[in-house]
Amino acid sequence: MHLLRSQLGRLRVLAFAEGVSFLILLFVTMPLKYAFATPGPNKVFGLVHGLLFVLYVLAVIQAKIALDWSFRKTALALLASIVPFGTFWADVKLFRDGQND
């Protein structure tokens, strides 16, 4: 997979995975937990999402250092991880700069 060859490509893959895990947590496992008293999936996806979130934050910090991102771009990338669909926005608006797809 050519995306994994560059730092920005790896960040894009992590952003996608983190975004999907966040949406699953919000729209699938949270309703299961609270509406149907089924907390198991929430625990599993909560752990997966937490790990992906930490990896995403570390990847953003790495990209900031390696690619000399501005404070604004770094802050937007980090804020995107706490807003539903935010990492998908960040991929389109922030992470495709100079990326040959």
PDB file of N, CA and C in Angstrom:
ATOM      1  N   MET A   1       0.850  -1.176   0.000  1.00  0.00           N
ATOM      2  CA  MET A   1       0.000   0.000   0.000  1.00  0.00           C
ATOM      3  C   MET A   1       0.895   1.238   0.000  1.00  0.00           C
ATOM      4  N   HIS A   2       0.741   2.074  -0.998  1.00  0.00           N
ATOM      5  CA  HIS A   2       1.623   3.230  -1.151  1.00  0.00           C
ATOM      6  C   HIS A   2       1.439   4.284  -0.073  1.00  0.00           C
ATOM      7  N   LEU A   3       0.270   4.340   0.554  1.00  0.00           N
ATOM      8  CA  LEU A   3       0.040   5.336   1.613  1.00  0.00           C
ATOM      9  C   LEU A   3       0.978   5.142   2.800  1.00  0.00           C
ATOM     10  N   LEU A   4       1.328   3.908   3.090  1.00  0.00           N
ATOM     11  CA  LEU A   4       2.130   3.618   4.274  1.00  0.00           C
ATOM     12  C   LEU A   4       3.607   3.958   4.101  1.00  0.00           C
ATOM     13  N   ARG A   5       3.995   4.362   2.922  1.00  0.00           N
ATOM     14  CA  ARG A   5       5.414   4.663   2.659  1.00  0.00           C
ATOM     15  C   ARG A   5       5.835   6.043   3.149  1.00  0.00           C
ATOM     16  N   SER A   6       4.893   6.930   3.363  1.00  0.00           N
ATOM     17  CA  SER A   6       5.244   8.273   3.815  1.00  0.00           C
ATOM     18  C   SER A   6       4.611   8.557   5.178  1.00  0.00           C
ATOM     19  N   GLN A   7       5.188   9.504   5.869  1.00  0.00           N
ATOM     20  CA  GLN A   7       4.669   9.879   7.177  1.00  0.00           C
ATOM     21  C   GLN A   7       3.248  10.434   7.056  1.00  0.00           C
ATOM     22  N   LEU A   8       3.026  11.253   6.058  1.00  0.00           N
ATOM     23  CA  LEU A   8       1.696  11.814   5.844  1.00  0.00           C
ATOM     24  C   LEU A   8       0.700  10.728   5.457  1.00  0.00           C
ATOM     25  N   GLY A   9       1.135   9.759   4.682  1.00  0.00           N
ATOM     26  CA  GLY A   9       0.271   8.647   4.308  1.00  0.00           C
ATOM     27  C   GLY A   9      -0.131   7.817   5.512  1.00  0.00           C
ATOM     28  N   ARG A  10       0.829   7.543   6.393  1.00  0.00           N
ATOM     29  CA  ARG A  10       0.511   6.796   7.619  1.00  0.00           C
ATOM     30  C   ARG A  10      -0.449   7.582   8.495  1.00  0.00           C
ATOM     31  N   LEU A  11      -0.268   8.900   8.556  1.00  0.00           N
ATOM     32  CA  LEU A  11      -1.185   9.733   9.327  1.00  0.00           C
ATOM     33  C   LEU A  11      -2.592   9.663   8.742  1.00  0.00           C
ATOM     34  N   ARG A  12      -2.693   9.674   7.430  1.00  0.00           N
ATOM     35  CA  ARG A  12      -4.005   9.581   6.782  1.00  0.00           C
ATOM     36  C   ARG A  12      -4.697   8.264   7.097  1.00  0.00           C
ATOM     37  N   VAL A  13      -3.946   7.168   7.091  1.00  0.00           N
ATOM     38  CA  VAL A  13      -4.523   5.861   7.418  1.00  0.00           C
ATOM     39  C   VAL A  13      -4.990   5.848   8.879  1.00  0.00           C
ATOM     40  N   LEU A  14      -4.164   6.363   9.777  1.00  0.00           N
ATOM     41  CA  LEU A  14      -4.545   6.442  11.194  1.00  0.00           C
ATOM     42  C   LEU A  14      -5.763   7.333  11.390  1.00  0.00           C
ATOM     43  N   ALA A  15      -5.826   8.459  10.675  1.00  0.00           N
ATOM     44  CA  ALA A  15      -6.967   9.366  10.785  1.00  0.00           C
ATOM     45  C   ALA A  15      -8.251   8.660  10.368  1.00  0.00           C
ATOM     46  N   PHE A  16      -8.175   7.885   9.291  1.00  0.00           N
ATOM     47  CA  PHE A  16      -9.358   7.144   8.838  1.00  0.00           C
ATOM     48  C   PHE A  16      -9.787   6.115   9.886  1.00  0.00           C
ATOM     49  N   ALA A  17      -8.828   5.330  10.369  1.00  0.00           N
ATOM     50  CA  ALA A  17      -9.140   4.295  11.361  1.00  0.00           C
ATOM     51  C   ALA A  17      -9.686   4.907  12.649  1.00  0.00           C
ATOM     52  N   GLU A  18      -9.082   6.007  13.104  1.00  0.00           N
ATOM     53  CA  GLU A  18      -9.539   6.675  14.319  1.00  0.00           C
ATOM     54  C   GLU A  18     -10.949   7.226  14.121  1.00  0.00           C
ATOM     55  N   GLY A  19     -11.200   7.806  12.962  1.00  0.00           N
ATOM     56  CA  GLY A  19     -12.523   8.357  12.675  1.00  0.00           C
ATOM     57  C   GLY A  19     -13.600   7.285  12.625  1.00  0.00           C
ATOM     58  N   VAL A  20     -13.298   6.171  11.979  1.00  0.00           N
ATOM     59  CA  VAL A  20     -14.260   5.066  11.908  1.00  0.00           C
ATOM     60  C   VAL A  20     -14.521   4.501  13.307  1.00  0.00           C
ATOM     61  N   SER A  21     -13.462   4.317  14.090  1.00  0.00           N
ATOM     62  CA  SER A  21     -13.653   3.764  15.440  1.00  0.00           C
ATOM     63  C   SER A  21     -14.487   4.709  16.307  1.00  0.00           C
ATOM     64  N   PHE A  22     -14.302   6.021  16.140  1.00  0.00           N
ATOM     65  CA  PHE A  22     -15.080   7.009  16.891  1.00  0.00           C
ATOM     66  C   PHE A  22     -16.560   6.929  16.510  1.00  0.00           C
ATOM     67  N   LEU A  23     -16.837   6.815  15.215  1.00  0.00           N
ATOM     68  CA  LEU A  23     -18.226   6.722  14.766  1.00  0.00           C
ATOM     69  C   LEU A  23     -18.886   5.435  15.231  1.00  0.00           C
ATOM     70  N   ILE A  24     -18.154   4.326  15.200  1.00  0.00           N
ATOM     71  CA  ILE A  24     -18.703   3.060  15.710  1.00  0.00           C
ATOM     72  C   ILE A  24     -19.010   3.196  17.192  1.00  0.00           C
ATOM     73  N   LEU A  25     -18.110   3.806  17.925  1.00  0.00           N
ATOM     74  CA  LEU A  25     -18.316   4.012  19.355  1.00  0.00           C
ATOM     75  C   LEU A  25     -19.567   4.860  19.604  1.00  0.00           C
ATOM     76  N   LEU A  26     -19.699   5.970  18.885  1.00  0.00           N
ATOM     77  CA  LEU A  26     -20.824   6.875  19.110  1.00  0.00           C
ATOM     78  C   LEU A  26     -22.160   6.331  18.642  1.00  0.00           C
ATOM     79  N   PHE A  27     -22.176   5.750  17.451  1.00  0.00           N
ATOM     80  CA  PHE A  27     -23.455   5.415  16.827  1.00  0.00           C
ATOM     81  C   PHE A  27     -23.844   3.939  16.882  1.00  0.00           C
ATOM     82  N   VAL A  28     -22.945   3.084  17.350  1.00  0.00           N
ATOM     83  CA  VAL A  28     -23.282   1.662  17.456  1.00  0.00           C
ATOM     84  C   VAL A  28     -23.160   1.190  18.906  1.00  0.00           C
ATOM     85  N   THR A  29     -21.969   1.292  19.466  1.00  0.00           N
ATOM     86  CA  THR A  29     -21.767   0.687  20.789  1.00  0.00           C
ATOM     87  C   THR A  29     -22.372   1.490  21.933  1.00  0.00           C
ATOM     88  N   MET A  30     -22.406   2.814  21.836  1.00  0.00           N
ATOM     89  CA  MET A  30     -23.045   3.600  22.898  1.00  0.00           C
ATOM     90  C   MET A  30     -24.551   3.328  22.950  1.00  0.00           C
ATOM     91  N   PRO A  31     -25.256   3.322  21.801  1.00  0.00           N
ATOM     92  CA  PRO A  31     -26.672   2.947  21.865  1.00  0.00           C
ATOM     93  C   PRO A  31     -26.887   1.521  22.395  1.00  0.00           C
ATOM     94  N   LEU A  32     -25.993   0.594  22.007  1.00  0.00           N
ATOM     95  CA  LEU A  32     -26.116  -0.763  22.545  1.00  0.00           C
ATOM     96  C   LEU A  32     -25.977  -0.753  24.065  1.00  0.00           C
ATOM     97  N   LYS A  33     -25.036   0.028  24.551  1.00  0.00           N
ATOM     98  CA  LYS A  33     -24.785   0.077  25.994  1.00  0.00           C
ATOM     99  C   LYS A  33     -25.957   0.689  26.747  1.00  0.00           C
ATOM    100  N   TYR A  34     -26.450   1.821  26.289  1.00  0.00           N
ATOM    101  CA  TYR A  34     -27.458   2.545  27.054  1.00  0.00           C
ATOM    102  C   TYR A  34     -28.895   2.182  26.711  1.00  0.00           C
ATOM    103  N   ALA A  35     -29.175   1.823  25.484  1.00  0.00           N
ATOM    104  CA  ALA A  35     -30.552   1.485  25.115  1.00  0.00           C
ATOM    105  C   ALA A  35     -30.859   0.005  25.310  1.00  0.00           C
ATOM    106  N   PHE A  36     -29.823  -0.837  25.198  1.00  0.00           N
ATOM    107  CA  PHE A  36     -30.068  -2.276  25.260  1.00  0.00           C
ATOM    108  C   PHE A  36     -29.274  -2.978  26.355  1.00  0.00           C
ATOM    109  N   ALA A  37     -28.659  -2.201  27.230  1.00  0.00           N
ATOM    110  CA  ALA A  37     -27.903  -2.745  28.376  1.00  0.00           C
ATOM    111  C   ALA A  37     -26.883  -3.807  27.939  1.00  0.00           C
ATOM    112  N   THR A  38     -26.156  -3.502  26.863  1.00  0.00           N
ATOM    113  CA  THR A  38     -25.132  -4.403  26.346  1.00  0.00           C
ATOM    114  C   THR A  38     -23.795  -3.659  26.320  1.00  0.00           C
ATOM    115  N   PRO A  39     -23.063  -3.666  27.432  1.00  0.00           N
ATOM    116  CA  PRO A  39     -21.836  -2.872  27.504  1.00  0.00           C
ATOM    117  C   PRO A  39     -20.601  -3.516  26.869  1.00  0.00           C
ATOM    118  N   GLY A  40     -20.637  -4.787  26.551  1.00  0.00           N
ATOM    119  CA  GLY A  40     -19.462  -5.490  26.027  1.00  0.00           C
ATOM    120  C   GLY A  40     -18.840  -4.861  24.800  1.00  0.00           C
ATOM    121  N   PRO A  41     -19.625  -4.610  23.733  1.00  0.00           N
ATOM    122  CA  PRO A  41     -19.034  -4.000  22.539  1.00  0.00           C
ATOM    123  C   PRO A  41     -18.434  -2.620  22.817  1.00  0.00           C
ATOM    124  N   ASN A  42     -19.038  -1.880  23.723  1.00  0.00           N
ATOM    125  CA  ASN A  42     -18.528  -0.559  24.058  1.00  0.00           C
ATOM    126  C   ASN A  42     -17.155  -0.654  24.704  1.00  0.00           C
ATOM    127  N   LYS A  43     -16.955  -1.640  25.548  1.00  0.00           N
ATOM    128  CA  LYS A  43     -15.648  -1.822  26.190  1.00  0.00           C
ATOM    129  C   LYS A  43     -14.579  -2.150  25.157  1.00  0.00           C
ATOM    130  N   VAL A  44     -14.909  -3.034  24.237  1.00  0.00           N
ATOM    131  CA  VAL A  44     -13.946  -3.449  23.214  1.00  0.00           C
ATOM    132  C   VAL A  44     -13.617  -2.284  22.287  1.00  0.00           C
ATOM    133  N   PHE A  45     -14.649  -1.641  21.728  1.00  0.00           N
ATOM    134  CA  PHE A  45     -14.393  -0.541  20.799  1.00  0.00           C
ATOM    135  C   PHE A  45     -13.852   0.688  21.515  1.00  0.00           C
ATOM    136  N   GLY A  46     -14.189   0.847  22.783  1.00  0.00           N
ATOM    137  CA  GLY A  46     -13.600   1.940  23.557  1.00  0.00           C
ATOM    138  C   GLY A  46     -12.100   1.779  23.672  1.00  0.00           C
ATOM    139  N   LEU A  47     -11.654   0.562  23.919  1.00  0.00           N
ATOM    140  CA  LEU A  47     -10.222   0.277  24.002  1.00  0.00           C
ATOM    141  C   LEU A  47      -9.538   0.487  22.656  1.00  0.00           C
ATOM    142  N   VAL A  48     -10.148  -0.023  21.597  1.00  0.00           N
ATOM    143  CA  VAL A  48      -9.586   0.127  20.253  1.00  0.00           C
ATOM    144  C   VAL A  48      -9.522   1.604  19.883  1.00  0.00           C
ATOM    145  N   HIS A  49     -10.599   2.321  20.124  1.00  0.00           N
ATOM    146  CA  HIS A  49     -10.626   3.740  19.799  1.00  0.00           C
ATOM    147  C   HIS A  49      -9.583   4.514  20.618  1.00  0.00           C
ATOM    148  N   GLY A  50      -9.466   4.194  21.891  1.00  0.00           N
ATOM    149  CA  GLY A  50      -8.479   4.867  22.737  1.00  0.00           C
ATOM    150  C   GLY A  50      -7.065   4.680  22.214  1.00  0.00           C
ATOM    151  N   LEU A  51      -6.739   3.471  21.811  1.00  0.00           N
ATOM    152  CA  LEU A  51      -5.415   3.195  21.245  1.00  0.00           C
ATOM    153  C   LEU A  51      -5.203   3.965  19.945  1.00  0.00           C
ATOM    154  N   LEU A  52      -6.201   3.940  19.067  1.00  0.00           N
ATOM    155  CA  LEU A  52      -6.088   4.664  17.798  1.00  0.00           C
ATOM    156  C   LEU A  52      -5.992   6.171  18.019  1.00  0.00           C
ATOM    157  N   PHE A  53      -6.710   6.672  19.008  1.00  0.00           N
ATOM    158  CA  PHE A  53      -6.651   8.100  19.334  1.00  0.00           C
ATOM    159  C   PHE A  53      -5.238   8.500  19.761  1.00  0.00           C
ATOM    160  N   VAL A  54      -4.641   7.714  20.643  1.00  0.00           N
ATOM    161  CA  VAL A  54      -3.273   8.017  21.106  1.00  0.00           C
ATOM    162  C   VAL A  54      -2.292   7.945  19.938  1.00  0.00           C
ATOM    163  N   LEU A  55      -2.416   6.933  19.095  1.00  0.00           N
ATOM    164  CA  LEU A  55      -1.535   6.812  17.930  1.00  0.00           C
ATOM    165  C   LEU A  55      -1.723   7.981  16.972  1.00  0.00           C
ATOM    166  N   TYR A  56      -2.959   8.418  16.798  1.00  0.00           N
ATOM    167  CA  TYR A  56      -3.245   9.567  15.934  1.00  0.00           C
ATOM    168  C   TYR A  56      -2.582  10.833  16.479  1.00  0.00           C
ATOM    169  N   VAL A  57      -2.740  11.079  17.765  1.00  0.00           N
ATOM    170  CA  VAL A  57      -2.130  12.271  18.375  1.00  0.00           C
ATOM    171  C   VAL A  57      -0.612  12.229  18.209  1.00  0.00           C
ATOM    172  N   LEU A  58      -0.007  11.076  18.453  1.00  0.00           N
ATOM    173  CA  LEU A  58       1.443  10.954  18.282  1.00  0.00           C
ATOM    174  C   LEU A  58       1.849  11.176  16.822  1.00  0.00           C
ATOM    175  N   ALA A  59       1.047  10.668  15.888  1.00  0.00           N
ATOM    176  CA  ALA A  59       1.352  10.848  14.466  1.00  0.00           C
ATOM    177  C   ALA A  59       1.236  12.320  14.057  1.00  0.00           C
ATOM    178  N   VAL A  60       0.263  13.025  14.613  1.00  0.00           N
ATOM    179  CA  VAL A  60       0.128  14.458  14.322  1.00  0.00           C
ATOM    180  C   VAL A  60       1.339  15.212  14.854  1.00  0.00           C
ATOM    181  N   ILE A  61       1.773  14.882  16.060  1.00  0.00           N
ATOM    182  CA  ILE A  61       2.945  15.541  16.639  1.00  0.00           C
ATOM    183  C   ILE A  61       4.188  15.240  15.802  1.00  0.00           C
ATOM    184  N   GLN A  62       4.340  13.995  15.373  1.00  0.00           N
ATOM    185  CA  GLN A  62       5.465  13.638  14.500  1.00  0.00           C
ATOM    186  C   GLN A  62       5.420  14.427  13.195  1.00  0.00           C
ATOM    187  N   ALA A  63       4.233  14.534  12.598  1.00  0.00           N
ATOM    188  CA  ALA A  63       4.089  15.266  11.341  1.00  0.00           C
ATOM    189  C   ALA A  63       4.403  16.740  11.544  1.00  0.00           C
ATOM    190  N   LYS A  64       3.988  17.300  12.661  1.00  0.00           N
ATOM    191  CA  LYS A  64       4.272  18.706  12.966  1.00  0.00           C
ATOM    192  C   LYS A  64       5.778  18.952  12.982  1.00  0.00           C
ATOM    193  N   ILE A  65       6.505  18.047  13.625  1.00  0.00           N
ATOM    194  CA  ILE A  65       7.959  18.199  13.734  1.00  0.00           C
ATOM    195  C   ILE A  65       8.637  17.947  12.384  1.00  0.00           C
ATOM    196  N   ALA A  66       8.300  16.834  11.748  1.00  0.00           N
ATOM    197  CA  ALA A  66       8.978  16.445  10.508  1.00  0.00           C
ATOM    198  C   ALA A  66       8.622  17.340   9.326  1.00  0.00           C
ATOM    199  N   LEU A  67       7.370  17.787   9.269  1.00  0.00           N
ATOM    200  CA  LEU A  67       6.914  18.558   8.117  1.00  0.00           C
ATOM    201  C   LEU A  67       6.808  20.049   8.411  1.00  0.00           C
ATOM    202  N   ASP A  68       7.231  20.429   9.602  1.00  0.00           N
ATOM    203  CA  ASP A  68       7.255  21.837  10.016  1.00  0.00           C
ATOM    204  C   ASP A  68       5.885  22.504   9.876  1.00  0.00           C
ATOM    205  N   TRP A  69       4.868  21.835  10.425  1.00  0.00           N
ATOM    206  CA  TRP A  69       3.526  22.391  10.382  1.00  0.00           C
ATOM    207  C   TRP A  69       3.417  23.608  11.283  1.00  0.00           C
ATOM    208  N   SER A  70       2.518  24.498  10.931  1.00  0.00           N
ATOM    209  CA  SER A  70       2.238  25.661  11.765  1.00  0.00           C
ATOM    210  C   SER A  70       1.455  25.217  13.002  1.00  0.00           C
ATOM    211  N   PHE A  71       1.428  26.104  13.992  1.00  0.00           N
ATOM    212  CA  PHE A  71       0.630  25.825  15.186  1.00  0.00           C
ATOM    213  C   PHE A  71      -0.842  25.643  14.813  1.00  0.00           C
ATOM    214  N   ARG A  72      -1.336  26.474  13.902  1.00  0.00           N
ATOM    215  CA  ARG A  72      -2.743  26.415  13.495  1.00  0.00           C
ATOM    216  C   ARG A  72      -3.084  25.060  12.866  1.00  0.00           C
ATOM    217  N   LYS A  73      -2.246  24.617  11.939  1.00  0.00           N
ATOM    218  CA  LYS A  73      -2.507  23.337  11.263  1.00  0.00           C
ATOM    219  C   LYS A  73      -2.457  22.182  12.261  1.00  0.00           C
ATOM    220  N   THR A  74      -1.485  22.215  13.162  1.00  0.00           N
ATOM    221  CA  THR A  74      -1.364  21.172  14.177  1.00  0.00           C
ATOM    222  C   THR A  74      -2.572  21.180  15.101  1.00  0.00           C
ATOM    223  N   ALA A  75      -2.984  22.359  15.532  1.00  0.00           N
ATOM    224  CA  ALA A  75      -4.143  22.464  16.422  1.00  0.00           C
ATOM    225  C   ALA A  75      -5.415  21.967  15.739  1.00  0.00           C
ATOM    226  N   LEU A  76      -5.601  22.322  14.471  1.00  0.00           N
ATOM    227  CA  LEU A  76      -6.772  21.840  13.739  1.00  0.00           C
ATOM    228  C   LEU A  76      -6.761  20.321  13.603  1.00  0.00           C
ATOM    229  N   ALA A  77      -5.599  19.758  13.327  1.00  0.00           N
ATOM    230  CA  ALA A  77      -5.483  18.298  13.202  1.00  0.00           C
ATOM    231  C   ALA A  77      -5.815  17.622  14.519  1.00  0.00           C
ATOM    232  N   LEU A  78      -5.362  18.192  15.622  1.00  0.00           N
ATOM    233  CA  LEU A  78      -5.658  17.614  16.936  1.00  0.00           C
ATOM    234  C   LEU A  78      -7.132  17.796  17.303  1.00  0.00           C
ATOM    235  N   LEU A  79      -7.682  18.964  17.043  1.00  0.00           N
ATOM    236  CA  LEU A  79      -9.102  19.204  17.330  1.00  0.00           C
ATOM    237  C   LEU A  79     -10.014  18.299  16.503  1.00  0.00           C
ATOM    238  N   ALA A  80      -9.578  17.974  15.296  1.00  0.00           N
ATOM    239  CA  ALA A  80     -10.381  17.116  14.425  1.00  0.00           C
ATOM    240  C   ALA A  80     -10.649  15.753  15.048  1.00  0.00           C
ATOM    241  N   SER A  81      -9.767  15.319  15.927  1.00  0.00           N
ATOM    242  CA  SER A  81      -9.929  13.985  16.518  1.00  0.00           C
ATOM    243  C   SER A  81     -11.008  13.930  17.586  1.00  0.00           C
ATOM    244  N   ILE A  82     -11.513  15.074  18.035  1.00  0.00           N
ATOM    245  CA  ILE A  82     -12.547  15.051  19.072  1.00  0.00           C
ATOM    246  C   ILE A  82     -13.924  15.436  18.541  1.00  0.00           C
ATOM    247  N   VAL A  83     -14.018  15.653  17.237  1.00  0.00           N
ATOM    248  CA  VAL A  83     -15.280  16.006  16.599  1.00  0.00           C
ATOM    249  C   VAL A  83     -15.689  14.850  15.686  1.00  0.00           C
ATOM    250  N   PRO A  84     -16.925  14.368  15.797  1.00  0.00           N
ATOM    251  CA  PRO A  84     -17.344  13.314  14.869  1.00  0.00           C
ATOM    252  C   PRO A  84     -17.141  13.752  13.416  1.00  0.00           C
ATOM    253  N   PHE A  85     -16.598  12.877  12.621  1.00  0.00           N
ATOM    254  CA  PHE A  85     -16.265  13.106  11.213  1.00  0.00           C
ATOM    255  C   PHE A  85     -15.090  14.068  11.032  1.00  0.00           C
ATOM    256  N   GLY A  86     -14.490  14.524  12.118  1.00  0.00           N
ATOM    257  CA  GLY A  86     -13.410  15.505  12.052  1.00  0.00           C
ATOM    258  C   GLY A  86     -12.166  15.014  11.359  1.00  0.00           C
ATOM    259  N   THR A  87     -11.796  13.767  11.591  1.00  0.00           N
ATOM    260  CA  THR A  87     -10.569  13.270  10.954  1.00  0.00           C
ATOM    261  C   THR A  87     -10.746  13.094   9.448  1.00  0.00           C
ATOM    262  N   PHE A  88     -11.989  12.892   9.012  1.00  0.00           N
ATOM    263  CA  PHE A  88     -12.237  12.799   7.570  1.00  0.00           C
ATOM    264  C   PHE A  88     -12.081  14.184   6.938  1.00  0.00           C
ATOM    265  N   TRP A  89     -12.551  15.210   7.629  1.00  0.00           N
ATOM    266  CA  TRP A  89     -12.355  16.589   7.188  1.00  0.00           C
ATOM    267  C   TRP A  89     -10.857  16.911   7.144  1.00  0.00           C
ATOM    268  N   ALA A  90     -10.143  16.535   8.210  1.00  0.00           N
ATOM    269  CA  ALA A  90      -8.710  16.811   8.292  1.00  0.00           C
ATOM    270  C   ALA A  90      -7.959  16.136   7.144  1.00  0.00           C
ATOM    271  N   ASP A  91      -8.366  14.940   6.787  1.00  0.00           N
ATOM    272  CA  ASP A  91      -7.705  14.244   5.677  1.00  0.00           C
ATOM    273  C   ASP A  91      -7.822  15.057   4.398  1.00  0.00           C
ATOM    274  N   VAL A  92      -9.003  15.562   4.127  1.00  0.00           N
ATOM    275  CA  VAL A  92      -9.233  16.313   2.890  1.00  0.00           C
ATOM    276  C   VAL A  92      -8.586  17.701   2.940  1.00  0.00           C
ATOM    277  N   LYS A  93      -8.737  18.391   4.050  1.00  0.00           N
ATOM    278  CA  LYS A  93      -8.310  19.797   4.132  1.00  0.00           C
ATOM    279  C   LYS A  93      -6.867  19.991   4.595  1.00  0.00           C
ATOM    280  N   LEU A  94      -6.331  19.059   5.384  1.00  0.00           N
ATOM    281  CA  LEU A  94      -5.016  19.268   5.981  1.00  0.00           C
ATOM    282  C   LEU A  94      -3.943  18.289   5.518  1.00  0.00           C
ATOM    283  N   PHE A  95      -4.313  17.031   5.320  1.00  0.00           N
ATOM    284  CA  PHE A  95      -3.311  15.992   5.126  1.00  0.00           C
ATOM    285  C   PHE A  95      -2.967  15.693   3.680  1.00  0.00           C
ATOM    286  N   ARG A  96      -3.692  16.245   2.754  1.00  0.00           N
ATOM    287  CA  ARG A  96      -3.411  15.953   1.338  1.00  0.00           C
ATOM    288  C   ARG A  96      -2.496  16.980   0.694  1.00  0.00           C
ATOM    289  N   ASP A  97      -2.029  17.959   1.456  1.00  0.00           N
ATOM    290  CA  ASP A  97      -1.100  18.968   0.923  1.00  0.00           C
ATOM    291  C   ASP A  97       0.158  18.277   0.408  1.00  0.00           C
ATOM    292  N   GLY A  98       0.439  18.432  -0.851  1.00  0.00           N
ATOM    293  CA  GLY A  98       1.674  17.868  -1.399  1.00  0.00           C
ATOM    294  C   GLY A  98       1.674  16.359  -1.517  1.00  0.00           C
ATOM    295  N   GLN A  99       0.539  15.728  -1.274  1.00  0.00           N
ATOM    296  CA  GLN A  99       0.454  14.264  -1.316  1.00  0.00           C
ATOM    297  C   GLN A  99       0.115  13.838  -2.738  1.00  0.00           C
ATOM    298  N   ASN A 100       0.887  12.961  -3.291  1.00  0.00           N
ATOM    299  CA  ASN A 100       0.594  12.439  -4.626  1.00  0.00           C
ATOM    300  C   ASN A 100      -0.261  11.199  -4.496  1.00  0.00           C
ATOM    301  N   ASP A 101      -1.524  11.326  -4.842  1.00  0.00           N
ATOM    302  CA  ASP A 101      -2.447  10.186  -4.736  1.00  0.00           C
ATOM    303  C   ASP A 101      -2.673   9.551  -6.082  1.00  0.00           C
TER     304      ASP A 101
END
